[in-house]
């Protein structure tokens, strides 16, 4: 922008708007923190990413509107925009967003329950017969193992007796 008073006023107003945007981005981080509890390490990562995004927005505004010149009133205007955002919206955005997301989660869970109801219903019906089949299968397998073990020992005894018989007849 040019160095006229009009250009500087436009730059000041765009800087106020950038402050609004930065405050909104910070509210997005706050919403995320309200919904998902994170430890201090991830909060630090989020803060660093917020500061990096803030720096990019501030430098972008200065680059596009003021020929890359940073002026003190730009920072004042950004701070003023953030204060206006907080005065106008306070915690309204945070509260409404958290409630909206919680409602979306409840609706999603309701749809999920409706979609999976047939599977759950079939499972409730087939659970007992399946358990009985599994129980009888295990019991039958145990019987087969017992019989196989018994037959194996009988077969070994038979072989021993044959060997003993062969030794006695020689």
Protein backbone atom coordinates (compact mmCIF):
# COMPACT_ATOMS: atom_id res chain seq x y z
CA UNK A 1 0.00 0.00 0.00
CA UNK A 2 1.06 3.53 -0.51
CA UNK A 3 2.35 5.79 2.23
CA UNK A 4 -0.79 7.95 2.27
CA UNK A 5 -3.07 8.31 5.23
CA UNK A 6 -5.72 6.25 3.42
CA UNK A 7 -3.19 3.43 2.89
CA UNK A 8 -2.13 3.46 6.54
CA UNK A 9 -5.77 3.45 7.73
CA UNK A 10 -6.49 0.45 5.48
CA UNK A 11 -3.39 -1.28 6.85
CA UNK A 12 -4.54 -0.51 10.42
CA UNK A 13 -8.02 -1.94 9.73
CA UNK A 14 -6.57 -5.06 8.10
CA UNK A 15 -4.32 -5.48 11.14
CA UNK A 16 -7.40 -5.30 13.40
CA UNK A 17 -8.99 -7.98 11.21
CA UNK A 18 -5.82 -10.07 11.52
CA UNK A 19 -6.18 -9.75 15.32
CA UNK A 20 -9.75 -11.05 15.00
CA UNK A 21 -8.47 -14.00 12.98
CA UNK A 22 -5.69 -14.74 15.48
CA UNK A 23 -8.14 -14.66 18.39
CA UNK A 24 -10.44 -17.02 16.49
CA UNK A 25 -7.54 -19.42 15.81
CA UNK A 26 -6.69 -19.33 19.49
CA UNK A 27 -10.33 -20.18 20.27
CA UNK A 28 -10.03 -23.18 17.95
CA UNK A 29 -7.08 -24.37 20.05
CA UNK A 30 -9.13 -23.77 23.20
CA UNK A 31 -12.03 -25.79 21.78
CA UNK A 32 -9.65 -28.64 21.00
CA UNK A 33 -8.29 -28.50 24.55
CA UNK A 34 -11.82 -28.57 26.00
CA UNK A 35 -12.83 -31.59 23.97
CA UNK A 36 -9.61 -33.60 24.20
CA UNK A 37 -7.61 -33.52 27.40
CA UNK A 38 -3.91 -33.32 26.55
CA UNK A 39 -0.81 -33.36 28.67
CA UNK A 40 1.58 -30.43 29.06
CA UNK A 41 3.87 -31.57 26.25
CA UNK A 42 1.09 -31.38 23.64
CA UNK A 43 -0.15 -28.07 25.05
CA UNK A 44 3.37 -26.72 24.53
CA UNK A 45 3.37 -28.04 20.95
CA UNK A 46 0.00 -26.38 20.34
CA UNK A 47 1.23 -23.08 21.77
CA UNK A 48 4.34 -23.15 19.58
CA UNK A 49 2.23 -23.92 16.51
CA UNK A 50 -0.14 -21.05 17.41
CA UNK A 51 2.78 -18.64 17.68
CA UNK A 52 4.15 -19.83 14.34
CA UNK A 53 0.76 -19.36 12.66
CA UNK A 54 0.44 -15.95 14.31
CA UNK A 55 3.86 -14.90 13.03
CA UNK A 56 2.96 -16.05 9.52
CA UNK A 57 -0.31 -14.10 9.55
CA UNK A 58 1.35 -10.96 10.91
CA UNK A 59 4.16 -11.09 8.37
CA UNK A 60 1.73 -11.86 5.55
CA UNK A 61 -0.37 -8.80 6.42
CA UNK A 62 2.75 -6.64 6.62
CA UNK A 63 4.12 -8.06 3.35
CA UNK A 64 0.93 -7.69 1.34
CA UNK A 65 -0.31 -4.38 2.71
CA UNK A 66 2.70 -2.43 3.91
CA UNK A 67 5.60 -3.48 1.67
CA UNK A 68 7.03 -5.77 4.37
CA UNK A 69 7.49 -2.92 6.81
CA UNK A 70 6.62 -3.68 10.38
CA UNK A 71 5.23 -0.73 12.29
CA UNK A 72 4.45 -0.51 15.95
CA UNK A 73 0.85 0.47 15.27
CA UNK A 74 0.42 -2.85 13.39
CA UNK A 75 1.04 -4.76 16.62
CA UNK A 76 -1.24 -2.35 18.47
CA UNK A 77 -3.97 -2.91 15.86
CA UNK A 78 -3.59 -6.71 16.09
CA UNK A 79 -3.85 -6.52 19.87
CA UNK A 80 -6.85 -4.23 19.50
CA UNK A 81 -8.49 -6.74 17.12
CA UNK A 82 -7.93 -9.56 19.63
CA UNK A 83 -9.42 -7.45 22.41
CA UNK A 84 -12.44 -6.57 20.24
CA UNK A 85 -12.91 -10.26 19.46
CA UNK A 86 -12.85 -11.13 23.17
CA UNK A 87 -15.24 -8.29 24.04
CA UNK A 88 -17.70 -9.15 21.27
CA UNK A 89 -17.65 -12.93 21.47
CA UNK A 90 -16.21 -13.55 24.96
CA UNK A 91 -16.59 -17.30 25.43
CA UNK A 92 -19.62 -17.49 23.15
CA UNK A 93 -17.70 -19.17 20.31
CA UNK A 94 -16.08 -21.65 22.70
CA UNK A 95 -19.33 -22.61 24.44
CA UNK A 96 -21.37 -22.87 21.23
CA UNK A 97 -18.65 -24.85 19.45
CA UNK A 98 -18.22 -27.34 22.29
CA UNK A 99 -22.01 -27.81 22.54
CA UNK A 100 -22.31 -28.17 18.76
CA UNK A 101 -19.51 -30.75 18.61
CA UNK A 102 -21.02 -32.68 21.54
CA UNK A 103 -24.39 -32.70 19.75
CA UNK A 104 -22.68 -33.97 16.59
CA UNK A 105 -21.02 -36.73 18.62
CA UNK A 106 -24.37 -37.73 20.16
CA UNK A 107 -26.05 -37.77 16.73
CA UNK A 108 -23.19 -39.84 15.31
CA UNK A 109 -23.47 -42.31 18.19
CA UNK A 110 -27.23 -42.54 17.68
CA UNK A 111 -26.76 -43.31 13.97
CA UNK A 112 -24.03 -45.82 14.83
CA UNK A 113 -26.38 -47.60 17.25
CA UNK A 114 -29.14 -47.67 14.63
CA UNK A 115 -26.78 -49.00 11.96
CA UNK A 116 -25.29 -51.70 14.20
CA UNK A 117 -28.59 -52.72 15.80
CA UNK A 118 -29.19 -55.68 13.45
CA UNK A 119 -25.72 -57.05 14.17
CA UNK A 120 -26.15 -56.60 17.92
CA UNK A 121 -29.62 -58.16 17.76
CA UNK A 122 -28.31 -61.18 15.85
CA UNK A 123 -25.43 -61.51 18.29
CA UNK A 124 -27.84 -61.52 21.24
CA UNK A 125 -29.91 -64.22 19.57
CA UNK A 126 -26.97 -66.36 18.46
CA UNK A 127 -24.74 -65.85 21.50
CA UNK A 128 -26.15 -68.70 23.60
CA UNK A 129 -26.32 -71.26 20.78
CA UNK A 130 -22.79 -70.33 19.71
CA UNK A 131 -21.54 -70.71 23.27
CA UNK A 132 -23.25 -74.10 23.51
CA UNK A 133 -21.68 -75.22 20.24
CA UNK A 134 -18.29 -74.03 21.42
CA UNK A 135 -18.76 -75.72 24.79
CA UNK A 136 -19.81 -79.03 23.19
CA UNK A 137 -16.95 -78.76 20.71
CA UNK A 138 -14.43 -78.27 23.49
CA UNK A 139 -15.98 -81.13 25.44
CA UNK A 140 -15.90 -83.39 22.38
CA UNK A 141 -12.31 -82.44 21.65
CA UNK A 142 -11.38 -83.24 25.24
CA UNK A 143 -13.10 -86.63 24.92
CA UNK A 144 -11.31 -87.32 21.65
CA UNK A 145 -8.00 -86.39 23.26
CA UNK A 146 -8.75 -88.67 26.21
CA UNK A 147 -9.71 -91.55 23.94
CA UNK A 148 -6.66 -90.96 21.75
CA UNK A 149 -4.45 -90.93 24.83
CA UNK A 150 -6.11 -94.09 26.14
CA UNK A 151 -5.85 -95.83 22.79
CA UNK A 152 -2.24 -94.71 22.49
CA UNK A 153 -1.42 -96.26 25.88
CA UNK A 154 -3.33 -99.45 24.98
CA UNK A 155 -1.51 -99.59 21.65
CA UNK A 156 1.85 -99.11 23.40
CA UNK A 157 1.00 -101.86 25.89
CA UNK A 158 -0.04 -104.11 23.03
CA UNK A 159 3.25 -103.44 21.25
CA UNK A 160 5.17 -104.15 24.44
CA UNK A 161 3.31 -107.41 24.87
CA UNK A 162 4.04 -108.36 21.28
CA UNK A 163 7.72 -107.58 21.75
CA UNK A 164 7.69 -109.55 25.00
CA UNK A 165 5.92 -112.42 23.22
CA UNK A 166 8.41 -112.33 20.37
CA UNK A 167 11.32 -112.37 22.83
CA UNK A 168 9.84 -115.32 24.75
CA UNK A 169 9.23 -117.36 21.57
CA UNK A 170 12.71 -116.93 20.15
